[in-house]
Amino acid sequence: MHQFLVEATLGACPKCNKPRKPHNVCPNCGFYKGKEVVNVLAKLEKKERKSREREIKETEKDQKTDKKNVTEDKPMSLEELSKKKF
């Protein structure tokens, strides 16, 4: 009765947003705390390496566009707020 299994807690990698265990190197991109610890691409074959590089670039572009969208929001004036319909 005292033995039971606990589901592992996973967090998102800040670099690639893939699930990973906390306080561990990301198995997808090889980064830990913003630094590359393991060169994951060196161990892959040519086709796998290209697909992984493409995937990483896409996630970085998505993160950049998300940041741009957040910074482009300007505070609205009182006139604009009164015209806006909720």
C-alpha atoms as a PDB file:
ATOM      1  CA  MET A   1       0.000   0.000   0.000  1.00  0.00           C
ATOM      2  CA  HIS A   2       2.860   2.421   0.601  1.00  0.00           C
ATOM      3  CA  GLN A   3       4.331   1.974  -2.880  1.00  0.00           C
ATOM      4  CA  PHE A   4       2.825   3.997  -5.685  1.00  0.00           C
ATOM      5  CA  LEU A   5       3.882   5.707  -8.907  1.00  0.00           C
ATOM      6  CA  VAL A   6       3.943   9.455  -9.307  1.00  0.00           C
ATOM      7  CA  GLU A   7       3.583  11.076 -12.711  1.00  0.00           C
ATOM      8  CA  ALA A   8       6.704  12.989 -13.712  1.00  0.00           C
ATOM      9  CA  THR A   9       6.374  16.762 -13.735  1.00  0.00           C
ATOM     10  CA  LEU A  10       7.459  18.304 -17.006  1.00  0.00           C
ATOM     11  CA  GLY A  11       8.177  21.891 -17.873  1.00  0.00           C
ATOM     12  CA  ALA A  12       8.581  23.614 -21.215  1.00  0.00           C
ATOM     13  CA  CYS A  13      12.064  24.293 -22.537  1.00  0.00           C
ATOM     14  CA  PRO A  14      12.580  28.068 -22.907  1.00  0.00           C
ATOM     15  CA  LYS A  15      14.512  27.569 -26.152  1.00  0.00           C
ATOM     16  CA  CYS A  16      12.352  25.091 -28.108  1.00  0.00           C
ATOM     17  CA  ASN A  17       9.158  24.825 -25.963  1.00  0.00           C
ATOM     18  CA  LYS A  18       9.332  21.023 -25.898  1.00  0.00           C
ATOM     19  CA  PRO A  19       8.505  19.203 -22.643  1.00  0.00           C
ATOM     20  CA  ARG A  20      11.501  18.359 -20.470  1.00  0.00           C
ATOM     21  CA  LYS A  21      12.235  17.424 -16.894  1.00  0.00           C
ATOM     22  CA  PRO A  22      13.099  20.328 -14.600  1.00  0.00           C
ATOM     23  CA  HIS A  23      16.809  20.888 -13.833  1.00  0.00           C
ATOM     24  CA  ASN A  24      17.900  18.729 -16.794  1.00  0.00           C
ATOM     25  CA  VAL A  25      19.333  19.394 -20.221  1.00  0.00           C
ATOM     26  CA  CYS A  26      16.672  19.522 -22.930  1.00  0.00           C
ATOM     27  CA  PRO A  27      16.934  16.328 -25.003  1.00  0.00           C
ATOM     28  CA  ASN A  28      15.584  18.120 -28.081  1.00  0.00           C
ATOM     29  CA  CYS A  29      17.907  21.148 -28.344  1.00  0.00           C
ATOM     30  CA  GLY A  30      20.654  20.459 -25.755  1.00  0.00           C
ATOM     31  CA  PHE A  31      20.303  23.766 -23.881  1.00  0.00           C
ATOM     32  CA  TYR A  32      20.290  24.282 -20.114  1.00  0.00           C
ATOM     33  CA  LYS A  33      19.765  27.718 -18.532  1.00  0.00           C
ATOM     34  CA  GLY A  34      20.224  29.464 -21.885  1.00  0.00           C
ATOM     35  CA  LYS A  35      23.572  27.815 -22.680  1.00  0.00           C
ATOM     36  CA  GLU A  36      24.244  24.980 -25.099  1.00  0.00           C
ATOM     37  CA  VAL A  37      25.538  22.078 -23.040  1.00  0.00           C
ATOM     38  CA  VAL A  38      25.148  19.202 -25.502  1.00  0.00           C
ATOM     39  CA  ASN A  39      25.512  19.488 -29.266  1.00  0.00           C
ATOM     40  CA  VAL A  40      22.485  17.399 -30.181  1.00  0.00           C
ATOM     41  CA  LEU A  41      22.822  17.992 -33.920  1.00  0.00           C
ATOM     42  CA  ALA A  42      26.313  16.441 -34.098  1.00  0.00           C
ATOM     43  CA  LYS A  43      24.977  13.001 -33.168  1.00  0.00           C
ATOM     44  CA  LEU A  44      22.206  12.958 -35.792  1.00  0.00           C
ATOM     45  CA  GLU A  45      22.299  11.774 -39.364  1.00  0.00           C
ATOM     46  CA  LYS A  46      22.119  14.261 -42.226  1.00  0.00           C
ATOM     47  CA  LYS A  47      18.340  14.056 -42.824  1.00  0.00           C
ATOM     48  CA  GLU A  48      17.528  14.170 -39.129  1.00  0.00           C
ATOM     49  CA  ARG A  49      19.894  17.107 -38.616  1.00  0.00           C
ATOM     50  CA  LYS A  50      18.227  19.165 -41.358  1.00  0.00           C
ATOM     51  CA  SER A  51      14.748  18.505 -40.045  1.00  0.00           C
ATOM     52  CA  ARG A  52      15.777  19.338 -36.469  1.00  0.00           C
ATOM     53  CA  GLU A  53      17.497  22.580 -37.580  1.00  0.00           C
ATOM     54  CA  ARG A  54      14.382  23.572 -39.514  1.00  0.00           C
ATOM     55  CA  GLU A  55      12.196  22.834 -36.497  1.00  0.00           C
ATOM     56  CA  ILE A  56      14.390  24.910 -34.166  1.00  0.00           C
ATOM     57  CA  LYS A  57      14.409  27.861 -36.590  1.00  0.00           C
ATOM     58  CA  GLU A  58      10.615  27.775 -36.857  1.00  0.00           C
ATOM     59  CA  THR A  59      10.167  27.842 -33.087  1.00  0.00           C
ATOM     60  CA  GLU A  60      12.638  30.736 -32.781  1.00  0.00           C
ATOM     61  CA  LYS A  61      10.730  32.679 -35.466  1.00  0.00           C
ATOM     62  CA  ASP A  62       7.449  32.019 -33.658  1.00  0.00           C
ATOM     63  CA  GLN A  63       8.909  33.285 -30.391  1.00  0.00           C
ATOM     64  CA  LYS A  64      10.261  36.432 -32.085  1.00  0.00           C
ATOM     65  CA  THR A  65       6.924  37.230 -33.717  1.00  0.00           C
ATOM     66  CA  ASP A  66       5.149  36.707 -30.393  1.00  0.00           C
ATOM     67  CA  LYS A  67       7.521  39.202 -28.755  1.00  0.00           C
ATOM     68  CA  LYS A  68       6.983  41.725 -31.576  1.00  0.00           C
ATOM     69  CA  ASN A  69       3.214  41.459 -31.240  1.00  0.00           C
ATOM     70  CA  VAL A  70       3.435  42.151 -27.526  1.00  0.00           C
ATOM     71  CA  THR A  71       5.707  45.193 -27.946  1.00  0.00           C
ATOM     72  CA  GLU A  72       3.604  46.659 -30.763  1.00  0.00           C
ATOM     73  CA  ASP A  73       0.606  47.112 -28.474  1.00  0.00           C
ATOM     74  CA  LYS A  74       0.447  50.811 -27.701  1.00  0.00           C
ATOM     75  CA  PRO A  75      -1.610  52.275 -24.907  1.00  0.00           C
ATOM     76  CA  MET A  76      -4.906  53.584 -26.219  1.00  0.00           C
ATOM     77  CA  SER A  77      -5.991  57.171 -25.712  1.00  0.00           C
ATOM     78  CA  LEU A  78      -9.286  57.981 -24.027  1.00  0.00           C
ATOM     79  CA  GLU A  79     -10.887  58.736 -27.393  1.00  0.00           C
ATOM     80  CA  GLU A  80      -9.875  55.355 -28.806  1.00  0.00           C
ATOM     81  CA  LEU A  81     -11.116  53.572 -25.692  1.00  0.00           C
ATOM     82  CA  SER A  82     -14.503  55.277 -25.921  1.00  0.00           C
ATOM     83  CA  LYS A  83     -14.859  54.226 -29.593  1.00  0.00           C
ATOM     84  CA  LYS A  84     -13.842  50.625 -28.955  1.00  0.00           C
ATOM     85  CA  LYS A  85     -16.703  48.168 -28.613  1.00  0.00           C
ATOM     86  CA  PHE A  86     -16.311  45.338 -26.169  1.00  0.00           C
END
